[in-house]
């Protein structure tokens, strides 16, 4: 019995990092697909990666695309996305992404992710101020 408990604990301990790695890959894939969709001007495809809350907030892909184009031009025309840390904030995964805009300027964004029945979806994006003077 003790052997069985030790095996269970070992499987649980070693499976946890693998699950996190799978989540990280899936989260980064969703963000990458949405960024590519914006570059391709495929707002309908980008819309599918938005969470139900975001979709309710904007109502349709056209309004959503307009908000991104006007409010997040560095996402609308993004280059060279680099995935930085994935951390938990108030129980939700938050993926930091560094992207370049059309002028080559760097921007950091935090993507809040939510697990849904359709897989990971983007539940919010925040622009993070960068201090590049140091």
Protein backbone atom coordinates (compact mmCIF):
# COMPACT_ATOMS: atom_id res chain seq x y z
CA UNK A 1 0.00 0.00 0.00
CA UNK A 2 2.80 2.39 0.90
CA UNK A 3 4.46 1.63 -2.45
CA UNK A 4 1.21 2.49 -4.25
CA UNK A 5 0.93 5.83 -2.41
CA UNK A 6 4.57 6.67 -3.22
CA UNK A 7 3.98 5.85 -6.91
CA UNK A 8 0.87 8.04 -6.97
CA UNK A 9 2.78 10.94 -5.41
CA UNK A 10 5.65 10.51 -7.86
CA UNK A 11 3.29 10.48 -10.84
CA UNK A 12 1.48 13.57 -9.53
CA UNK A 13 4.71 15.50 -8.90
CA UNK A 14 6.18 14.69 -12.32
CA UNK A 15 2.89 15.14 -14.21
CA UNK A 16 2.28 18.66 -12.90
CA UNK A 17 5.17 20.29 -14.82
CA UNK A 18 4.17 18.42 -17.98
CA UNK A 19 0.60 19.72 -17.72
CA UNK A 20 1.92 23.25 -17.22
CA UNK A 21 4.18 22.90 -20.26
CA UNK A 22 1.20 21.70 -22.30
CA UNK A 23 -0.85 24.67 -21.08
CA UNK A 24 1.99 27.05 -21.90
CA UNK A 25 2.26 25.68 -25.44
CA UNK A 26 -1.51 25.85 -25.93
CA UNK A 27 -1.75 29.39 -24.55
CA UNK A 28 1.10 30.64 -26.72
CA UNK A 29 -0.42 28.94 -29.75
CA UNK A 30 -3.76 30.74 -29.24
CA UNK A 31 -2.04 34.12 -28.90
CA UNK A 32 0.15 33.43 -31.94
CA UNK A 33 -2.87 32.48 -34.04
CA UNK A 34 -4.73 35.63 -33.03
CA UNK A 35 -1.70 37.84 -33.79
CA UNK A 36 -1.33 36.17 -37.20
CA UNK A 37 -5.04 36.65 -37.88
CA UNK A 38 -4.76 40.38 -37.20
CA UNK A 39 -1.77 40.64 -39.54
CA UNK A 40 -3.83 38.80 -42.18
CA UNK A 41 -6.80 41.11 -41.48
CA UNK A 42 -8.86 38.01 -40.72
CA UNK A 43 -10.92 39.55 -37.91
CA UNK A 44 -13.32 36.59 -37.91
CA UNK A 45 -10.44 34.21 -37.09
CA UNK A 46 -9.06 36.59 -34.45
CA UNK A 47 -12.55 36.79 -32.92
CA UNK A 48 -12.63 33.01 -32.35
CA UNK A 49 -9.72 33.34 -29.89
CA UNK A 50 -11.55 35.92 -27.76
CA UNK A 51 -13.32 34.67 -24.65
CA UNK A 52 -17.10 34.65 -24.34
CA UNK A 53 -16.85 37.73 -22.06
CA UNK A 54 -14.90 39.67 -24.72
CA UNK A 55 -17.33 38.55 -27.40
CA UNK A 56 -20.31 39.71 -25.31
CA UNK A 57 -18.57 43.03 -24.64
CA UNK A 58 -18.00 43.82 -28.33
CA UNK A 59 -20.92 41.96 -29.86
CA UNK A 60 -19.42 41.14 -33.25
CA UNK A 61 -16.06 40.68 -35.00
CA UNK A 62 -16.22 44.04 -36.77
CA UNK A 63 -16.49 46.07 -33.55
CA UNK A 64 -13.82 43.91 -31.97
CA UNK A 65 -11.48 44.46 -34.94
CA UNK A 66 -12.12 48.20 -34.89
CA UNK A 67 -11.24 48.35 -31.18
CA UNK A 68 -7.97 46.49 -31.77
CA UNK A 69 -7.05 48.58 -34.82
CA UNK A 70 -7.68 51.88 -32.99
CA UNK A 71 -6.73 50.95 -29.43
CA UNK A 72 -3.93 48.43 -29.97
CA UNK A 73 -2.24 49.35 -33.28
CA UNK A 74 0.85 47.36 -32.24
CA UNK A 75 -1.35 44.24 -32.11
CA UNK A 76 -3.17 45.07 -35.35
CA UNK A 77 0.21 45.33 -37.14
CA UNK A 78 2.52 43.16 -35.05
CA UNK A 79 5.97 41.80 -35.77
CA UNK A 80 8.31 39.31 -34.08
CA UNK A 81 6.22 38.21 -31.09
CA UNK A 82 8.38 36.92 -28.23
CA UNK A 83 6.79 35.05 -25.35
CA UNK A 84 8.13 35.99 -21.95
CA UNK A 85 6.92 34.74 -18.57
CA UNK A 86 3.65 32.98 -17.96
CA UNK A 87 2.44 33.61 -14.43
CA UNK A 88 -0.71 33.26 -12.39
CA UNK A 89 -2.52 36.48 -11.41
CA UNK A 90 -5.60 36.15 -9.22
CA UNK A 91 -5.91 32.52 -10.29
CA UNK A 92 -5.74 33.21 -14.04
CA UNK A 93 -2.80 32.59 -16.38
CA UNK A 94 -1.22 35.83 -17.60
CA UNK A 95 1.16 35.54 -20.57
CA UNK A 96 3.57 38.42 -21.19
CA UNK A 97 4.31 38.99 -24.89
CA UNK A 98 6.82 41.38 -26.43
CA UNK A 99 5.99 42.55 -29.96
CA UNK A 100 7.24 45.13 -32.41
CA UNK A 101 5.00 47.56 -34.23
CA UNK A 102 5.42 48.66 -37.85
CA UNK A 103 8.11 51.18 -36.81
CA UNK A 104 10.10 48.52 -34.98
CA UNK A 105 9.20 49.91 -31.54
CA UNK A 106 8.87 47.33 -28.76
CA UNK A 107 5.67 46.85 -26.77
CA UNK A 108 4.92 44.51 -23.88
CA UNK A 109 1.43 43.16 -23.38
CA UNK A 110 -0.12 40.91 -20.79
CA UNK A 111 -2.66 38.42 -22.12
CA UNK A 112 -5.12 37.10 -19.55
CA UNK A 113 -6.20 33.61 -20.52
CA UNK A 114 -9.24 31.54 -19.60
CA UNK A 115 -9.88 27.84 -20.08
CA UNK A 116 -13.19 27.23 -21.84
CA UNK A 117 -14.94 24.23 -23.35
CA UNK A 118 -13.37 25.37 -26.65
CA UNK A 119 -9.86 25.42 -25.14
CA UNK A 120 -7.81 28.42 -24.05
CA UNK A 121 -9.15 31.84 -25.03
CA UNK A 122 -7.99 35.41 -24.53
CA UNK A 123 -9.94 37.14 -21.75
CA UNK A 124 -8.18 40.53 -21.81
CA UNK A 125 -5.03 42.31 -22.97
CA UNK A 126 -3.14 45.07 -21.18
CA UNK A 127 -0.36 47.22 -22.55
CA UNK A 128 2.57 47.30 -20.11
CA UNK A 129 4.74 50.40 -19.86
CA UNK A 130 8.36 49.68 -20.74
CA UNK A 131 11.28 51.52 -19.21
CA UNK A 132 13.95 51.26 -21.89
CA UNK A 133 16.14 53.98 -20.40
CA UNK A 134 18.06 51.64 -18.08
